Amino acid sequence: RRPAVLSAALFALSLAASSAPAQDAAPPKAYRVM
């Protein structure tokens, strides 16, 4: 299934998610945040 796309109307509703895998990027810098 395609990733769920959040519409303006859905901001106030429960948000549905798809089963699409997350994309792995190679960012230039990483931050560790607690």
mmCIF file of all heavy atoms, coordinates in Angstrom:
data_MODEL
# 
_entry.id   MODEL 
# 
loop_
_atom_site.group_PDB 
_atom_site.id 
_atom_site.type_symbol 
_atom_site.label_atom_id 
_atom_site.label_alt_id 
_atom_site.label_comp_id 
_atom_site.label_asym_id 
_atom_site.label_entity_id 
_atom_site.label_seq_id 
_atom_site.pdbx_PDB_ins_code 
_atom_site.Cartn_x 
_atom_site.Cartn_y 
_atom_site.Cartn_z 
_atom_site.occupancy 
_atom_site.B_iso_or_equiv 
_atom_site.pdbx_formal_charge 
_atom_site.auth_seq_id 
_atom_site.auth_comp_id 
_atom_site.auth_asym_id 
_atom_site.auth_atom_id 
_atom_site.pdbx_PDB_model_num 
ATOM 1   N N   . ARG A 1 1  ? 0.819   -1.192 0.000  1.00 0.00 ? 1  ARG A N   1 
ATOM 2   C CA  . ARG A 1 1  ? 0.000   0.000  0.000  1.00 0.00 ? 1  ARG A CA  1 
ATOM 3   C C   . ARG A 1 1  ? 0.859   1.251  0.000  1.00 0.00 ? 1  ARG A C   1 
ATOM 4   O O   . ARG A 1 1  ? 1.962   1.266  0.511  1.00 0.00 ? 1  ARG A O   1 
ATOM 5   C CB  . ARG A 1 1  ? -0.906  0.012  1.234  1.00 0.00 ? 1  ARG A CB  1 
ATOM 6   C CG  . ARG A 1 1  ? -1.969  -1.067 1.204  1.00 0.00 ? 1  ARG A CG  1 
ATOM 7   C CD  . ARG A 1 1  ? -2.768  -1.035 2.498  1.00 0.00 ? 1  ARG A CD  1 
ATOM 8   N NE  . ARG A 1 1  ? -1.909  -1.406 3.624  1.00 0.00 ? 1  ARG A NE  1 
ATOM 9   C CZ  . ARG A 1 1  ? -2.257  -1.225 4.871  1.00 0.00 ? 1  ARG A CZ  1 
ATOM 10  N NH1 . ARG A 1 1  ? -3.399  -0.663 5.174  1.00 0.00 ? 1  ARG A NH1 1 
ATOM 11  N NH2 . ARG A 1 1  ? -1.439  -1.585 5.852  1.00 0.00 ? 1  ARG A NH2 1 
ATOM 12  N N   . ARG A 1 2  ? 0.298   2.322  -0.560 1.00 0.00 ? 2  ARG A N   1 
ATOM 13  C CA  . ARG A 1 2  ? 1.016   3.591  -0.598 1.00 0.00 ? 2  ARG A CA  1 
ATOM 14  C C   . ARG A 1 2  ? 0.975   4.247  0.774  1.00 0.00 ? 2  ARG A C   1 
ATOM 15  O O   . ARG A 1 2  ? 0.044   4.035  1.546  1.00 0.00 ? 2  ARG A O   1 
ATOM 16  C CB  . ARG A 1 2  ? 0.398   4.532  -1.635 1.00 0.00 ? 2  ARG A CB  1 
ATOM 17  C CG  . ARG A 1 2  ? 0.504   4.012  -3.057 1.00 0.00 ? 2  ARG A CG  1 
ATOM 18  C CD  . ARG A 1 2  ? -0.241  4.931  -4.013 1.00 0.00 ? 2  ARG A CD  1 
ATOM 19  N NE  . ARG A 1 2  ? 0.298   6.278  -3.977 1.00 0.00 ? 2  ARG A NE  1 
ATOM 20  C CZ  . ARG A 1 2  ? 1.352   6.666  -4.675 1.00 0.00 ? 2  ARG A CZ  1 
ATOM 21  N NH1 . ARG A 1 2  ? 2.000   5.812  -5.417 1.00 0.00 ? 2  ARG A NH1 1 
ATOM 22  N NH2 . ARG A 1 2  ? 1.775   7.916  -4.597 1.00 0.00 ? 2  ARG A NH2 1 
ATOM 23  N N   . PRO A 1 3  ? 1.989   5.066  1.120  1.00 0.00 ? 3  PRO A N   1 
ATOM 24  C CA  . PRO A 1 3  ? 1.975   5.752  2.412  1.00 0.00 ? 3  PRO A CA  1 
ATOM 25  C C   . PRO A 1 3  ? 0.733   6.623  2.554  1.00 0.00 ? 3  PRO A C   1 
ATOM 26  O O   . PRO A 1 3  ? 0.258   7.217  1.579  1.00 0.00 ? 3  PRO A O   1 
ATOM 27  C CB  . PRO A 1 3  ? 3.237   6.609  2.377  1.00 0.00 ? 3  PRO A CB  1 
ATOM 28  C CG  . PRO A 1 3  ? 4.110   5.930  1.392  1.00 0.00 ? 3  PRO A CG  1 
ATOM 29  C CD  . PRO A 1 3  ? 3.194   5.355  0.357  1.00 0.00 ? 3  PRO A CD  1 
ATOM 30  N N   . ALA A 1 4  ? 0.198   6.701  3.730  1.00 0.00 ? 4  ALA A N   1 
ATOM 31  C CA  . ALA A 1 4  ? -0.945  7.570  3.975  1.00 0.00 ? 4  ALA A CA  1 
ATOM 32  C C   . ALA A 1 4  ? -0.486  9.007  3.890  1.00 0.00 ? 4  ALA A C   1 
ATOM 33  O O   . ALA A 1 4  ? 0.561   9.374  4.396  1.00 0.00 ? 4  ALA A O   1 
ATOM 34  C CB  . ALA A 1 4  ? -1.527  7.294  5.352  1.00 0.00 ? 4  ALA A CB  1 
ATOM 35  N N   . VAL A 1 5  ? -1.283  9.863  3.215  1.00 0.00 ? 5  VAL A N   1 
ATOM 36  C CA  . VAL A 1 5  ? -0.947  11.272 3.070  1.00 0.00 ? 5  VAL A CA  1 
ATOM 37  C C   . VAL A 1 5  ? -1.879  12.073 3.961  1.00 0.00 ? 5  VAL A C   1 
ATOM 38  O O   . VAL A 1 5  ? -3.094  11.935 3.889  1.00 0.00 ? 5  VAL A O   1 
ATOM 39  C CB  . VAL A 1 5  ? -1.071  11.743 1.606  1.00 0.00 ? 5  VAL A CB  1 
ATOM 40  C CG1 . VAL A 1 5  ? -0.793  13.231 1.504  1.00 0.00 ? 5  VAL A CG1 1 
ATOM 41  C CG2 . VAL A 1 5  ? -0.126  10.955 0.727  1.00 0.00 ? 5  VAL A CG2 1 
ATOM 42  N N   . LEU A 1 6  ? -1.315  12.900 4.818  1.00 0.00 ? 6  LEU A N   1 
ATOM 43  C CA  . LEU A 1 6  ? -2.097  13.664 5.772  1.00 0.00 ? 6  LEU A CA  1 
ATOM 44  C C   . LEU A 1 6  ? -2.731  14.849 5.069  1.00 0.00 ? 6  LEU A C   1 
ATOM 45  O O   . LEU A 1 6  ? -2.045  15.665 4.478  1.00 0.00 ? 6  LEU A O   1 
ATOM 46  C CB  . LEU A 1 6  ? -1.190  14.157 6.901  1.00 0.00 ? 6  LEU A CB  1 
ATOM 47  C CG  . LEU A 1 6  ? -1.886  14.719 8.130  1.00 0.00 ? 6  LEU A CG  1 
ATOM 48  C CD1 . LEU A 1 6  ? -2.633  13.619 8.854  1.00 0.00 ? 6  LEU A CD1 1 
ATOM 49  C CD2 . LEU A 1 6  ? -0.872  15.337 9.051  1.00 0.00 ? 6  LEU A CD2 1 
ATOM 50  N N   . SER A 1 7  ? -4.033  14.942 5.110  1.00 0.00 ? 7  SER A N   1 
ATOM 51  C CA  . SER A 1 7  ? -4.739  16.075 4.538  1.00 0.00 ? 7  SER A CA  1 
ATOM 52  C C   . SER A 1 7  ? -5.077  17.056 5.639  1.00 0.00 ? 7  SER A C   1 
ATOM 53  O O   . SER A 1 7  ? -5.036  16.729 6.829  1.00 0.00 ? 7  SER A O   1 
ATOM 54  C CB  . SER A 1 7  ? -6.027  15.613 3.851  1.00 0.00 ? 7  SER A CB  1 
ATOM 55  O OG  . SER A 1 7  ? -6.938  15.122 4.796  1.00 0.00 ? 7  SER A OG  1 
ATOM 56  N N   . ALA A 1 8  ? -5.472  18.276 5.249  1.00 0.00 ? 8  ALA A N   1 
ATOM 57  C CA  . ALA A 1 8  ? -5.799  19.287 6.249  1.00 0.00 ? 8  ALA A CA  1 
ATOM 58  C C   . ALA A 1 8  ? -6.941  18.820 7.136  1.00 0.00 ? 8  ALA A C   1 
ATOM 59  O O   . ALA A 1 8  ? -6.961  19.070 8.333  1.00 0.00 ? 8  ALA A O   1 
ATOM 60  C CB  . ALA A 1 8  ? -6.166  20.601 5.547  1.00 0.00 ? 8  ALA A CB  1 
ATOM 61  N N   . ALA A 1 9  ? -7.913  18.133 6.546  1.00 0.00 ? 9  ALA A N   1 
ATOM 62  C CA  . ALA A 1 9  ? -9.058  17.682 7.336  1.00 0.00 ? 9  ALA A CA  1 
ATOM 63  C C   . ALA A 1 9  ? -8.661  16.653 8.371  1.00 0.00 ? 9  ALA A C   1 
ATOM 64  O O   . ALA A 1 9  ? -9.287  16.539 9.428  1.00 0.00 ? 9  ALA A O   1 
ATOM 65  C CB  . ALA A 1 9  ? -10.119 17.099 6.407  1.00 0.00 ? 9  ALA A CB  1 
ATOM 66  N N   . LEU A 1 10 ? -7.603  15.895 8.087  1.00 0.00 ? 10 LEU A N   1 
ATOM 67  C CA  . LEU A 1 10 ? -7.207  14.827 8.994  1.00 0.00 ? 10 LEU A CA  1 
ATOM 68  C C   . LEU A 1 10 ? -6.353  15.311 10.151 1.00 0.00 ? 10 LEU A C   1 
ATOM 69  O O   . LEU A 1 10 ? -5.996  14.537 11.027 1.00 0.00 ? 10 LEU A O   1 
ATOM 70  C CB  . LEU A 1 10 ? -6.447  13.741 8.229  1.00 0.00 ? 10 LEU A CB  1 
ATOM 71  C CG  . LEU A 1 10 ? -7.298  12.887 7.303  1.00 0.00 ? 10 LEU A CG  1 
ATOM 72  C CD1 . LEU A 1 10 ? -6.426  11.870 6.594  1.00 0.00 ? 10 LEU A CD1 1 
ATOM 73  C CD2 . LEU A 1 10 ? -8.395  12.181 8.058  1.00 0.00 ? 10 LEU A CD2 1 
ATOM 74  N N   . PHE A 1 11 ? -5.997  16.606 10.142 1.00 0.00 ? 11 PHE A N   1 
ATOM 75  C CA  . PHE A 1 11 ? -5.181  17.106 11.248 1.00 0.00 ? 11 PHE A CA  1 
ATOM 76  C C   . PHE A 1 11 ? -5.857  16.861 12.584 1.00 0.00 ? 11 PHE A C   1 
ATOM 77  O O   . PHE A 1 11 ? -5.207  16.607 13.588 1.00 0.00 ? 11 PHE A O   1 
ATOM 78  C CB  . PHE A 1 11 ? -4.944  18.612 11.094 1.00 0.00 ? 11 PHE A CB  1 
ATOM 79  C CG  . PHE A 1 11 ? -3.595  18.960 10.561 1.00 0.00 ? 11 PHE A CG  1 
ATOM 80  C CD1 . PHE A 1 11 ? -3.465  19.767 9.458  1.00 0.00 ? 11 PHE A CD1 1 
ATOM 81  C CD2 . PHE A 1 11 ? -2.454  18.495 11.181 1.00 0.00 ? 11 PHE A CD2 1 
ATOM 82  C CE1 . PHE A 1 11 ? -2.214  20.100 8.985  1.00 0.00 ? 11 PHE A CE1 1 
ATOM 83  C CE2 . PHE A 1 11 ? -1.205  18.823 10.713 1.00 0.00 ? 11 PHE A CE2 1 
ATOM 84  C CZ  . PHE A 1 11 ? -1.090  19.623 9.609  1.00 0.00 ? 11 PHE A CZ  1 
ATOM 85  N N   . ALA A 1 12 ? -7.184  16.982 12.599 1.00 0.00 ? 12 ALA A N   1 
ATOM 86  C CA  . ALA A 1 12 ? -7.895  16.855 13.867 1.00 0.00 ? 12 ALA A CA  1 
ATOM 87  C C   . ALA A 1 12 ? -8.409  15.441 14.113 1.00 0.00 ? 12 ALA A C   1 
ATOM 88  O O   . ALA A 1 12 ? -9.098  15.191 15.078 1.00 0.00 ? 12 ALA A O   1 
ATOM 89  C CB  . ALA A 1 12 ? -9.080  17.835 13.893 1.00 0.00 ? 12 ALA A CB  1 
ATOM 90  N N   . LEU A 1 13 ? -8.099  14.526 13.193 1.00 0.00 ? 13 LEU A N   1 
ATOM 91  C CA  . LEU A 1 13 ? -8.584  13.158 13.303 1.00 0.00 ? 13 LEU A CA  1 
ATOM 92  C C   . LEU A 1 13 ? -7.443  12.196 13.556 1.00 0.00 ? 13 LEU A C   1 
ATOM 93  O O   . LEU A 1 13 ? -6.280  12.557 13.483 1.00 0.00 ? 13 LEU A O   1 
ATOM 94  C CB  . LEU A 1 13 ? -9.316  12.762 12.001 1.00 0.00 ? 13 LEU A CB  1 
ATOM 95  C CG  . LEU A 1 13 ? -10.497 13.651 11.599 1.00 0.00 ? 13 LEU A CG  1 
ATOM 96  C CD1 . LEU A 1 13 ? -11.020 13.234 10.247 1.00 0.00 ? 13 LEU A CD1 1 
ATOM 97  C CD2 . LEU A 1 13 ? -11.603 13.581 12.631 1.00 0.00 ? 13 LEU A CD2 1 
ATOM 98  N N   . SER A 1 14 ? -7.771  10.949 13.825 1.00 0.00 ? 14 SER A N   1 
ATOM 99  C CA  . SER A 1 14 ? -6.738  9.922  13.951 1.00 0.00 ? 14 SER A CA  1 
ATOM 100 C C   . SER A 1 14 ? -6.050  9.768  12.615 1.00 0.00 ? 14 SER A C   1 
ATOM 101 O O   . SER A 1 14 ? -6.688  9.803  11.561 1.00 0.00 ? 14 SER A O   1 
ATOM 102 C CB  . SER A 1 14 ? -7.380  8.591  14.361 1.00 0.00 ? 14 SER A CB  1 
ATOM 103 O OG  . SER A 1 14 ? -7.989  8.722  15.620 1.00 0.00 ? 14 SER A OG  1 
ATOM 104 N N   . LEU A 1 15 ? -4.729  9.572  12.642 1.00 0.00 ? 15 LEU A N   1 
ATOM 105 C CA  . LEU A 1 15 ? -3.951  9.532  11.416 1.00 0.00 ? 15 LEU A CA  1 
ATOM 106 C C   . LEU A 1 15 ? -3.632  8.095  11.055 1.00 0.00 ? 15 LEU A C   1 
ATOM 107 O O   . LEU A 1 15 ? -3.053  7.366  11.853 1.00 0.00 ? 15 LEU A O   1 
ATOM 108 C CB  . LEU A 1 15 ? -2.651  10.334 11.607 1.00 0.00 ? 15 LEU A CB  1 
ATOM 109 C CG  . LEU A 1 15 ? -2.911  11.817 11.867 1.00 0.00 ? 15 LEU A CG  1 
ATOM 110 C CD1 . LEU A 1 15 ? -1.632  12.493 12.284 1.00 0.00 ? 15 LEU A CD1 1 
ATOM 111 C CD2 . LEU A 1 15 ? -3.492  12.451 10.646 1.00 0.00 ? 15 LEU A CD2 1 
ATOM 112 N N   . ALA A 1 16 ? -4.002  7.696  9.843  1.00 0.00 ? 16 ALA A N   1 
ATOM 113 C CA  . ALA A 1 16 ? -3.740  6.339  9.396  1.00 0.00 ? 16 ALA A CA  1 
ATOM 114 C C   . ALA A 1 16 ? -2.362  6.273  8.762  1.00 0.00 ? 16 ALA A C   1 
ATOM 115 O O   . ALA A 1 16 ? -1.918  7.209  8.113  1.00 0.00 ? 16 ALA A O   1 
ATOM 116 C CB  . ALA A 1 16 ? -4.793  5.920  8.369  1.00 0.00 ? 16 ALA A CB  1 
ATOM 117 N N   . ALA A 1 17 ? -1.664  5.148  8.967  1.00 0.00 ? 17 ALA A N   1 
ATOM 118 C CA  . ALA A 1 17 ? -0.327  4.964  8.396  1.00 0.00 ? 17 ALA A CA  1 
ATOM 119 C C   . ALA A 1 17 ? -0.332  3.783  7.456  1.00 0.00 ? 17 ALA A C   1 
ATOM 120 O O   . ALA A 1 17 ? -1.100  2.849  7.615  1.00 0.00 ? 17 ALA A O   1 
ATOM 121 C CB  . ALA A 1 17 ? 0.691   4.738  9.502  1.00 0.00 ? 17 ALA A CB  1 
ATOM 122 N N   . SER A 1 18 ? 0.553   3.824  6.473  1.00 0.00 ? 18 SER A N   1 
ATOM 123 C CA  . SER A 1 18 ? 0.656   2.726  5.531  1.00 0.00 ? 18 SER A CA  1 
ATOM 124 C C   . SER A 1 18 ? 1.768   1.786  5.956  1.00 0.00 ? 18 SER A C   1 
ATOM 125 O O   . SER A 1 18 ? 2.474   2.028  6.919  1.00 0.00 ? 18 SER A O   1 
ATOM 126 C CB  . SER A 1 18 ? 0.967   3.273  4.132  1.00 0.00 ? 18 SER A CB  1 
ATOM 127 O OG  . SER A 1 18 ? 2.332   3.568  4.053  1.00 0.00 ? 18 SER A OG  1 
ATOM 128 N N   . SER A 1 19 ? 1.926   0.724  5.200  1.00 0.00 ? 19 SER A N   1 
ATOM 129 C CA  . SER A 1 19 ? 2.967   -0.245 5.517  1.00 0.00 ? 19 SER A CA  1 
ATOM 130 C C   . SER A 1 19 ? 4.225   -0.020 4.708  1.00 0.00 ? 19 SER A C   1 
ATOM 131 O O   . SER A 1 19 ? 5.085   -0.885 4.650  1.00 0.00 ? 19 SER A O   1 
ATOM 132 C CB  . SER A 1 19 ? 2.438   -1.663 5.252  1.00 0.00 ? 19 SER A CB  1 
ATOM 133 O OG  . SER A 1 19 ? 2.034   -1.787 3.902  1.00 0.00 ? 19 SER A OG  1 
ATOM 134 N N   . ALA A 1 20 ? 4.349   1.144  4.060  1.00 0.00 ? 20 ALA A N   1 
ATOM 135 C CA  . ALA A 1 20 ? 5.540   1.420  3.262  1.00 0.00 ? 20 ALA A CA  1 
ATOM 136 C C   . ALA A 1 20 ? 6.748   1.551  4.162  1.00 0.00 ? 20 ALA A C   1 
ATOM 137 O O   . ALA A 1 20 ? 6.678   2.125  5.243  1.00 0.00 ? 20 ALA A O   1 
ATOM 138 C CB  . ALA A 1 20 ? 5.355   2.722  2.466  1.00 0.00 ? 20 ALA A CB  1 
ATOM 139 N N   . PRO A 1 21 ? 7.908   1.020  3.767  1.00 0.00 ? 21 PRO A N   1 
ATOM 140 C CA  . PRO A 1 21 ? 9.107   1.118  4.602  1.00 0.00 ? 21 PRO A CA  1 
ATOM 141 C C   . PRO A 1 21 ? 9.651   2.535  4.615  1.00 0.00 ? 21 PRO A C   1 
ATOM 142 O O   . PRO A 1 21 ? 9.485   3.286  3.666  1.00 0.00 ? 21 PRO A O   1 
ATOM 143 C CB  . PRO A 1 21 ? 10.083  0.159  3.903  1.00 0.00 ? 21 PRO A CB  1 
ATOM 144 C CG  . PRO A 1 21 ? 9.635   0.146  2.475  1.00 0.00 ? 21 PRO A CG  1 
ATOM 145 C CD  . PRO A 1 21 ? 8.140   0.274  2.517  1.00 0.00 ? 21 PRO A CD  1 
ATOM 146 N N   . ALA A 1 22 ? 10.277  2.884  5.695  1.00 0.00 ? 22 ALA A N   1 
ATOM 147 C CA  . ALA A 1 22 ? 10.891  4.205  5.793  1.00 0.00 ? 22 ALA A CA  1 
ATOM 148 C C   . ALA A 1 22 ? 12.117  4.267  4.886  1.00 0.00 ? 22 ALA A C   1 
ATOM 149 O O   . ALA A 1 22 ? 12.798  3.277  4.667  1.00 0.00 ? 22 ALA A O   1 
ATOM 150 C CB  . ALA A 1 22 ? 11.297  4.491  7.241  1.00 0.00 ? 22 ALA A CB  1 
ATOM 151 N N   . GLN A 1 23 ? 12.399  5.482  4.361  1.00 0.00 ? 23 GLN A N   1 
ATOM 152 C CA  . GLN A 1 23 ? 13.555  5.667  3.499  1.00 0.00 ? 23 GLN A CA  1 
ATOM 153 C C   . GLN A 1 23 ? 14.779  5.953  4.348  1.00 0.00 ? 23 GLN A C   1 
ATOM 154 O O   . GLN A 1 23 ? 14.741  6.759  5.269  1.00 0.00 ? 23 GLN A O   1 
ATOM 155 C CB  . GLN A 1 23 ? 13.313  6.832  2.539  1.00 0.00 ? 23 GLN A CB  1 
ATOM 156 C CG  . GLN A 1 23 ? 12.241  6.520  1.494  1.00 0.00 ? 23 GLN A CG  1 
ATOM 157 C CD  . GLN A 1 23 ? 12.043  7.691  0.557  1.00 0.00 ? 23 GLN A CD  1 
ATOM 158 O OE1 . GLN A 1 23 ? 12.364  8.827  0.889  1.00 0.00 ? 23 GLN A OE1 1 
ATOM 159 N NE2 . GLN A 1 23 ? 11.527  7.426  -0.612 1.00 0.00 ? 23 GLN A NE2 1 
ATOM 160 N N   . ASP A 1 24 ? 15.876  5.288  4.050  1.00 0.00 ? 24 ASP A N   1 
ATOM 161 C CA  . ASP A 1 24 ? 17.132  5.528  4.751  1.00 0.00 ? 24 ASP A CA  1 
ATOM 162 C C   . ASP A 1 24 ? 17.937  6.570  3.982  1.00 0.00 ? 24 ASP A C   1 
ATOM 163 O O   . ASP A 1 24 ? 18.243  6.388  2.818  1.00 0.00 ? 24 ASP A O   1 
ATOM 164 C CB  . ASP A 1 24 ? 17.936  4.228  4.869  1.00 0.00 ? 24 ASP A CB  1 
ATOM 165 C CG  . ASP A 1 24 ? 17.268  3.253  5.816  1.00 0.00 ? 24 ASP A CG  1 
ATOM 166 O OD1 . ASP A 1 24 ? 16.686  3.705  6.816  1.00 0.00 ? 24 ASP A OD1 1 
ATOM 167 O OD2 . ASP A 1 24 ? 17.328  2.043  5.541  1.00 0.00 ? 24 ASP A OD2 1 
ATOM 168 N N   . ALA A 1 25 ? 18.232  7.681  4.621  1.00 0.00 ? 25 ALA A N   1 
ATOM 169 C CA  . ALA A 1 25 ? 19.016  8.729  3.977  1.00 0.00 ? 25 ALA A CA  1 
ATOM 170 C C   . ALA A 1 25 ? 20.427  8.706  4.533  1.00 0.00 ? 25 ALA A C   1 
ATOM 171 O O   . ALA A 1 25 ? 20.708  8.086  5.542  1.00 0.00 ? 25 ALA A O   1 
ATOM 172 C CB  . ALA A 1 25 ? 18.365  10.086 4.227  1.00 0.00 ? 25 ALA A CB  1 
ATOM 173 N N   . ALA A 1 26 ? 21.319  9.385  3.839  1.00 0.00 ? 26 ALA A N   1 
ATOM 174 C CA  . ALA A 1 26 ? 22.702  9.513  4.300  1.00 0.00 ? 26 ALA A CA  1 
ATOM 175 C C   . ALA A 1 26 ? 22.944  10.982 4.592  1.00 0.00 ? 26 ALA A C   1 
ATOM 176 O O   . ALA A 1 26 ? 23.508  11.705 3.775  1.00 0.00 ? 26 ALA A O   1 
ATOM 177 C CB  . ALA A 1 26 ? 23.666  9.000  3.244  1.00 0.00 ? 26 ALA A CB  1 
ATOM 178 N N   . PRO A 1 27 ? 22.471  11.463 5.757  1.00 0.00 ? 27 PRO A N   1 
ATOM 179 C CA  . PRO A 1 27 ? 22.569  12.889 6.058  1.00 0.00 ? 27 PRO A CA  1 
ATOM 180 C C   . PRO A 1 27 ? 24.006  13.322 6.295  1.00 0.00 ? 27 PRO A C   1 
ATOM 181 O O   . PRO A 1 27 ? 24.850  12.524 6.682  1.00 0.00 ? 27 PRO A O   1 
ATOM 182 C CB  . PRO A 1 27 ? 21.731  13.037 7.336  1.00 0.00 ? 27 PRO A CB  1 
ATOM 183 C CG  . PRO A 1 27 ? 21.807  11.689 7.971  1.00 0.00 ? 27 PRO A CG  1 
ATOM 184 C CD  . PRO A 1 27 ? 21.867  10.710 6.843  1.00 0.00 ? 27 PRO A CD  1 
ATOM 185 N N   . PRO A 1 28 ? 24.276  14.621 6.077  1.00 0.00 ? 28 PRO A N   1 
ATOM 186 C CA  . PRO A 1 28 ? 25.638  15.115 6.255  1.00 0.00 ? 28 PRO A CA  1 
ATOM 187 C C   . PRO A 1 28 ? 26.063  15.199 7.710  1.00 0.00 ? 28 PRO A C   1 
ATOM 188 O O   . PRO A 1 28 ? 27.235  15.198 8.012  1.00 0.00 ? 28 PRO A O   1 
ATOM 189 C CB  . PRO A 1 28 ? 25.586  16.507 5.624  1.00 0.00 ? 28 PRO A CB  1 
ATOM 190 C CG  . PRO A 1 28 ? 24.145  16.909 5.733  1.00 0.00 ? 28 PRO A CG  1 
ATOM 191 C CD  . PRO A 1 28 ? 23.367  15.648 5.577  1.00 0.00 ? 28 PRO A CD  1 
ATOM 192 N N   . LYS A 1 29 ? 25.093  15.291 8.628  1.00 0.00 ? 29 LYS A N   1 
ATOM 193 C CA  . LYS A 1 29 ? 25.441  15.403 10.029 1.00 0.00 ? 29 LYS A CA  1 
ATOM 194 C C   . LYS A 1 29 ? 24.372  14.735 10.872 1.00 0.00 ? 29 LYS A C   1 
ATOM 195 O O   . LYS A 1 29 ? 23.208  14.685 10.490 1.00 0.00 ? 29 LYS A O   1 
ATOM 196 C CB  . LYS A 1 29 ? 25.582  16.871 10.441 1.00 0.00 ? 29 LYS A CB  1 
ATOM 197 C CG  . LYS A 1 29 ? 26.070  17.041 11.876 1.00 0.00 ? 29 LYS A CG  1 
ATOM 198 C CD  . LYS A 1 29 ? 26.505  18.452 12.171 1.00 0.00 ? 29 LYS A CD  1 
ATOM 199 C CE  . LYS A 1 29 ? 27.063  18.562 13.590 1.00 0.00 ? 29 LYS A CE  1 
ATOM 200 N NZ  . LYS A 1 29 ? 27.519  19.918 13.909 1.00 0.00 ? 29 LYS A NZ  1 
ATOM 201 N N   . ALA A 1 30 ? 24.771  14.202 12.011 1.00 0.00 ? 30 ALA A N   1 
ATOM 202 C CA  . ALA A 1 30 ? 23.825  13.533 12.900 1.00 0.00 ? 30 ALA A CA  1 
ATOM 203 C C   . ALA A 1 30 ? 23.819  14.223 14.255 1.00 0.00 ? 30 ALA A C   1 
ATOM 204 O O   . ALA A 1 30 ? 24.852  14.691 14.733 1.00 0.00 ? 30 ALA A O   1 
ATOM 205 C CB  . ALA A 1 30 ? 24.190  12.064 13.051 1.00 0.00 ? 30 ALA A CB  1 
ATOM 206 N N   . TYR A 1 31 ? 22.659  14.279 14.861 1.00 0.00 ? 31 TYR A N   1 
ATOM 207 C CA  . TYR A 1 31 ? 22.500  14.840 16.201 1.00 0.00 ? 31 TYR A CA  1 
ATOM 208 C C   . TYR A 1 31 ? 21.867  13.783 17.100 1.00 0.00 ? 31 TYR A C   1 
ATOM 209 O O   . TYR A 1 31 ? 20.884  13.145 16.725 1.00 0.00 ? 31 TYR A O   1 
ATOM 210 C CB  . TYR A 1 31 ? 21.589  16.067 16.190 1.00 0.00 ? 31 TYR A CB  1 
ATOM 211 C CG  . TYR A 1 31 ? 22.181  17.279 15.518 1.00 0.00 ? 31 TYR A CG  1 
ATOM 212 C CD1 . TYR A 1 31 ? 22.067  17.465 14.143 1.00 0.00 ? 31 TYR A CD1 1 
ATOM 213 C CD2 . TYR A 1 31 ? 22.851  18.245 16.252 1.00 0.00 ? 31 TYR A CD2 1 
ATOM 214 C CE1 . TYR A 1 31 ? 22.605  18.582 13.521 1.00 0.00 ? 31 TYR A CE1 1 
ATOM 215 C CE2 . TYR A 1 31 ? 23.391  19.375 15.646 1.00 0.00 ? 31 TYR A CE2 1 
ATOM 216 C CZ  . TYR A 1 31 ? 23.267  19.527 14.278 1.00 0.00 ? 31 TYR A CZ  1 
ATOM 217 O OH  . TYR A 1 31 ? 23.799  20.637 13.670 1.00 0.00 ? 31 TYR A OH  1 
ATOM 218 N N   . ARG A 1 32 ? 22.428  13.626 18.257 1.00 0.00 ? 32 ARG A N   1 
ATOM 219 C CA  . ARG A 1 32 ? 21.830  12.758 19.259 1.00 0.00 ? 32 ARG A CA  1 
ATOM 220 C C   . ARG A 1 32 ? 21.139  13.654 20.277 1.00 0.00 ? 32 ARG A C   1 
ATOM 221 O O   . ARG A 1 32 ? 21.776  14.511 20.899 1.00 0.00 ? 32 ARG A O   1 
ATOM 222 C CB  . ARG A 1 32 ? 22.903  11.891 19.923 1.00 0.00 ? 32 ARG A CB  1 
ATOM 223 C CG  . ARG A 1 32 ? 22.372  11.001 21.029 1.00 0.00 ? 32 ARG A CG  1 
ATOM 224 C CD  . ARG A 1 32 ? 23.387  9.943  21.427 1.00 0.00 ? 32 ARG A CD  1 
ATOM 225 N NE  . ARG A 1 32 ? 23.148  9.435  22.768 1.00 0.00 ? 32 ARG A NE  1 
ATOM 226 C CZ  . ARG A 1 32 ? 22.145  8.629  23.102 1.00 0.00 ? 32 ARG A CZ  1 
ATOM 227 N NH1 . ARG A 1 32 ? 21.280  8.245  22.180 1.00 0.00 ? 32 ARG A NH1 1 
ATOM 228 N NH2 . ARG A 1 32 ? 21.991  8.217  24.345 1.00 0.00 ? 32 ARG A NH2 1 
ATOM 229 N N   . VAL A 1 33 ? 19.826  13.453 20.429 1.00 0.00 ? 33 VAL A N   1 
ATOM 230 C CA  . VAL A 1 33 ? 19.006  14.337 21.256 1.00 0.00 ? 33 VAL A CA  1 
ATOM 231 C C   . VAL A 1 33 ? 18.272  13.521 22.307 1.00 0.00 ? 33 VAL A C   1 
ATOM 232 O O   . VAL A 1 33 ? 17.614  12.524 21.995 1.00 0.00 ? 33 VAL A O   1 
ATOM 233 C CB  . VAL A 1 33 ? 17.981  15.107 20.393 1.00 0.00 ? 33 VAL A CB  1 
ATOM 234 C CG1 . VAL A 1 33 ? 17.117  16.013 21.275 1.00 0.00 ? 33 VAL A CG1 1 
ATOM 235 C CG2 . VAL A 1 33 ? 18.690  15.928 19.316 1.00 0.00 ? 33 VAL A CG2 1 
ATOM 236 N N   . MET A 1 34 ? 18.397  13.921 23.563 1.00 0.00 ? 34 MET A N   1 
ATOM 237 C CA  . MET A 1 34 ? 17.621  13.310 24.635 1.00 0.00 ? 34 MET A CA  1 
ATOM 238 C C   . MET A 1 34 ? 16.488  14.257 25.015 1.00 0.00 ? 34 MET A C   1 
ATOM 239 O O   . MET A 1 34 ? 16.705  15.459 25.193 1.00 0.00 ? 34 MET A O   1 
ATOM 240 C CB  . MET A 1 34 ? 18.481  13.036 25.867 1.00 0.00 ? 34 MET A CB  1 
ATOM 241 C CG  . MET A 1 34 ? 17.672  12.491 27.046 1.00 0.00 ? 34 MET A CG  1 
ATOM 242 S SD  . MET A 1 34 ? 18.667  12.200 28.548 1.00 0.00 ? 34 MET A SD  1 
ATOM 243 C CE  . MET A 1 34 ? 19.532  10.684 28.077 1.00 0.00 ? 34 MET A CE  1 
# 
